[in-house]
Each structure stands twice: as C-alpha cells, then as structure tokens.
Protein backbone atom coordinates (compact mmCIF):
# COMPACT_ATOMS: atom_id res chain seq x y z
CA ILE A 1 -49.83 68.24 -88.79
CA SER A 2 -50.33 65.29 -91.16
CA ASN A 3 -54.13 65.48 -90.85
CA HIS A 4 -54.58 69.25 -90.84
CA PRO A 5 -57.17 70.25 -93.48
CA LYS A 6 -55.16 73.23 -94.72
CA LEU A 7 -52.13 71.04 -95.36
CA LYS A 8 -54.26 68.33 -97.01
CA MET A 9 -55.69 70.99 -99.33
CA ASN A 10 -52.20 72.29 -100.19
CA GLU A 11 -50.92 68.74 -100.79
CA ALA A 12 -53.79 68.20 -103.22
CA ARG A 13 -52.86 71.43 -105.00
CA VAL A 14 -49.27 70.20 -105.36
CA VAL A 15 -50.50 66.92 -106.87
CA ALA A 16 -52.83 68.81 -109.23
CA ALA A 17 -50.02 71.15 -110.30
CA THR A 18 -47.75 68.17 -111.00
CA ALA A 19 -50.47 66.58 -113.12
CA LYS A 20 -51.03 69.87 -114.95
CA LEU A 21 -47.30 70.03 -115.70
CA ALA A 22 -47.36 66.52 -117.16
CA GLN A 23 -50.42 67.46 -119.20
CA SER A 24 -48.76 70.57 -120.60
CA LYS A 25 -45.70 68.52 -121.63
CA SER A 26 -47.90 66.09 -123.55
CA ASN A 27 -47.95 68.43 -126.57
CA TYR A 28 -44.29 67.52 -127.14
CA TYR A 29 -45.18 63.86 -127.73
CA PRO A 30 -46.63 62.38 -130.94
CA GLN A 31 -50.26 61.31 -130.89
CA LEU A 32 -51.28 57.99 -132.38
CA SER A 33 -54.90 57.08 -133.00
CA ALA A 34 -56.53 54.06 -134.62
CA ASN A 35 -60.02 53.60 -135.97
CA GLY A 36 -61.72 50.59 -137.49
CA THR A 37 -65.21 50.04 -138.92
CA TYR A 38 -67.17 47.20 -140.47
CA THR A 39 -70.23 47.64 -142.69
CA ARG A 40 -72.47 45.00 -144.25
CA ILE A 41 -74.38 46.10 -147.33
CA ASP A 42 -77.21 43.96 -148.67
CA PRO A 43 -78.31 43.89 -151.46
CA THR A 44 -75.61 45.32 -153.71
CA GLY A 45 -75.83 46.22 -157.34
CA SER A 46 -74.60 43.71 -159.88
CA VAL A 47 -74.38 43.16 -163.66
CA PRO A 48 -74.59 39.79 -165.41
CA PHE A 49 -71.62 38.90 -167.64
CA PRO A 50 -71.46 35.96 -169.98
CA THR A 51 -68.39 33.77 -169.49
CA PRO A 52 -67.35 30.40 -170.96
CA GLN A 53 -68.56 28.76 -167.71
CA GLY A 54 -71.92 30.49 -168.00
CA VAL A 55 -73.40 33.76 -166.84
CA GLU A 56 -71.69 35.22 -163.80
CA ARG A 57 -72.73 38.25 -161.81
CA PHE A 58 -70.25 41.08 -161.40
CA PHE A 59 -70.87 43.01 -158.10
CA PHE A 60 -70.09 46.74 -157.93
CA ILE A 61 -69.60 46.78 -154.14
CA PRO A 62 -68.72 43.84 -151.90
CA ASN A 63 -71.21 42.86 -149.17
CA ASP A 64 -68.60 43.02 -146.35
CA ASN A 65 -66.74 46.32 -146.10
CA TYR A 66 -63.81 46.84 -143.73
CA ASN A 67 -62.14 50.16 -143.02
CA ALA A 68 -59.07 50.69 -140.80
CA ASN A 69 -57.25 53.97 -140.19
CA LEU A 70 -54.07 54.67 -138.32
CA THR A 71 -53.17 58.33 -137.70
CA LEU A 72 -49.90 59.68 -136.34
CA GLN A 73 -49.70 63.40 -135.49
CA MET A 74 -46.74 65.35 -134.23
CA ASN A 75 -46.60 69.06 -133.47
CA LEU A 76 -43.50 70.42 -135.18
CA PHE A 77 -43.83 74.12 -134.44
CA ASP A 78 -46.45 76.06 -132.49
CA PHE A 79 -44.73 79.45 -132.08
CA GLY A 80 -43.72 78.73 -128.46
CA ARG A 81 -47.22 78.01 -127.17
CA THR A 82 -46.27 74.63 -125.70
CA ALA A 83 -43.07 75.95 -124.12
CA THR A 84 -45.01 78.83 -122.55
CA GLY A 85 -47.64 76.42 -121.20
CA VAL A 86 -44.93 74.19 -119.71
CA LYS A 87 -43.23 77.20 -118.09
CA LEU A 88 -46.54 78.36 -116.60
CA ALA A 89 -47.24 74.88 -115.27
CA GLU A 90 -43.75 74.67 -113.73
CA ASN A 91 -44.26 78.03 -112.04
CA ALA A 92 -47.68 76.95 -110.74
CA GLN A 93 -46.11 73.78 -109.32
CA GLN A 94 -43.37 75.77 -107.58
CA ILE A 95 -45.93 78.19 -106.15
CA SER A 96 -48.08 75.35 -104.82
CA GLU A 97 -45.05 73.65 -103.23
CA THR A 98 -43.97 76.95 -101.64
CA THR A 99 -47.49 77.56 -100.36
CA TRP A 100 -47.51 74.07 -98.82
CA GLN A 101 -44.16 74.71 -97.11
CA LEU A 102 -45.33 78.10 -95.84
CA SER A 103 -48.48 76.51 -94.44
CA MET A 104 -46.38 73.95 -92.57
CA GLN A 105 -44.15 76.70 -91.17
CA ASP A 106 -47.19 78.78 -90.22
CA LEU A 107 -48.69 75.86 -88.30
CA ALA A 108 -45.37 75.20 -86.56
CA LEU A 109 -45.09 78.88 -85.55
CA LYS A 110 -48.65 78.90 -84.22
CA THR A 111 -47.94 75.74 -82.25
CA ILE A 112 -44.85 77.31 -80.71
CA GLN A 113 -46.79 80.48 -79.86
CA VAL A 114 -49.53 78.49 -78.12
CA PHE A 115 -46.92 76.48 -76.21
CA TYR A 116 -45.20 79.64 -74.92
CA GLN A 117 -48.53 81.28 -74.06
CA ILE A 118 -49.50 78.25 -72.00
CA HIS A 119 -46.06 78.21 -70.34
CA PHE A 120 -46.30 81.94 -69.57
CA LEU A 121 -49.77 81.52 -68.05
CA GLN A 122 -48.60 78.60 -65.93
CA GLN A 123 -45.71 80.67 -64.61
CA ALA A 124 -48.03 83.63 -63.98
CA ILE A 125 -50.33 81.35 -61.98
CA LEU A 126 -47.36 80.16 -59.90
CA VAL A 127 -46.30 83.76 -59.20
CA GLN A 128 -49.86 84.72 -58.22
CA GLN A 129 -50.08 81.68 -55.95
CA LYS A 130 -46.79 82.62 -54.24
CA GLN A 131 -48.04 86.19 -53.71
CA LEU A 132 -51.31 84.91 -52.27
CA ASN A 133 -49.42 82.59 -49.95
CA ALA A 134 -47.22 85.50 -48.79
CA LEU A 135 -50.28 87.70 -48.18
CA GLN A 136 -52.01 84.90 -46.29
CA LEU A 137 -48.89 84.48 -44.14
CA THR A 138 -48.84 88.25 -43.49
CA LEU A 139 -52.53 88.18 -42.58
CA ASN A 140 -51.99 85.30 -40.16
CA GLN A 141 -49.07 87.13 -38.53
CA THR A 142 -51.12 90.34 -38.24
CA LYS A 143 -53.99 88.43 -36.62
CA LYS A 144 -51.57 86.87 -34.11
CA LEU A 145 -50.16 90.31 -33.37
CA GLN A 146 -53.71 91.59 -32.82
CA GLU A 147 -54.44 88.69 -30.48
CA ASN A 148 -51.30 89.58 -28.51
CA GLY A 149 -52.31 93.24 -28.50
CA GLU A 150 -49.38 94.35 -30.61
CA ALA A 151 -51.51 95.30 -33.70
CA THR A 152 -54.77 97.15 -34.13
CA ASN A 153 -57.92 96.15 -35.97
CA PHE A 154 -57.00 98.73 -38.64
CA GLU A 155 -53.79 96.85 -39.49
CA VAL A 156 -55.74 93.59 -39.86
CA LEU A 157 -58.28 95.28 -42.14
CA THR A 158 -55.50 96.87 -44.21
CA THR A 159 -53.85 93.45 -44.69
CA VAL A 160 -57.20 91.86 -45.64
CA TYR A 161 -57.82 94.71 -48.13
CA LYS A 162 -54.38 94.22 -49.71
CA SER A 163 -54.92 90.48 -50.07
CA THR A 164 -58.41 90.83 -51.62
CA SER A 165 -57.46 93.70 -53.95
CA HIS A 166 -54.34 91.83 -55.07
CA SER A 167 -56.20 88.60 -55.77
CA ILE A 168 -58.74 90.47 -57.93
CA THR A 169 -56.05 91.84 -60.24
C-alpha cells in the first residue's frame, strides 16, 4: 500500500493542499521589504565660491549616492477576500485528505475481494477434485463388476460419460 501510485498521488495532493492553505493565510501577515542602491556620478556640476582660505568649489550633487528603502505593508481590510481564500484552502485540504483515505479503503476492499476470490476458487478446485475422485472410484468399481460379469458394457460407458461430462463443466 505504501508504494501504490494512486496513494502516492493522493499524498502529494494532501501536501500541496496544506501548502496552499499556508499560502492563503500569508495575507494575514505583514510584508517587509528592503531595497538598497549605490550610484557613482562623475563628473558633477560645481560652482566656485571665494572663501577666506581661497576659492573652494561647491558641488551640487555628491559623487557617491546611497539610497536605502524599508517598506512595511499590512492588509487591514480586504472585504473578506483573505478569509474566503483561507476557507476554500481548508476545504480543499479536507477533500484531499478524504480522497486519500477513500483510496486507502478502496485498495483494502479490493485486496479483501481478491483474497476471497482466490479462497473460493481453491475450495472449488478441492470440491471438483473430490468429485473426480468419486467418479474415478465409481468407474473402477463398474469395470470390476464388468470383469466379474455383474455389469454390462453400457454401464461402463455411462459411467465414463458421466465422468467426462462432469470434468468438462
């Protein structure tokens, strides 16, 4: 039973339904994402300014630019869409588990049916063998009676006919 392809397929469906349920529940959880970039700009625009130390250049944009973003999202209300998805996933999981159990029961029933069919055929063979043995014994007795002159050739032929017609059925 553990290696039957039908059961393996149904077990995989149960695992997939469980994963689908976990996926549908993920809309209840907040989502956190992070993003970071680095850009180097060369050359950048600048303006000379006189200062007491001399002329210094004032740059409009720095050469090294860093950008980092952190985003937190949480679904507060979706008009029951998430709850409906979770309920559907739960139902799909229950259906797949029930299908798996029914498949196991179906295989067990088929196994029992095959066992009883084999047992019935074995008993039928034993009955047929006993009937053939009884007919063979009757034929032997009829032949002995014919040898002693107590039975006719017709009785021997009738016994042979009964044994051959019975063994055919």
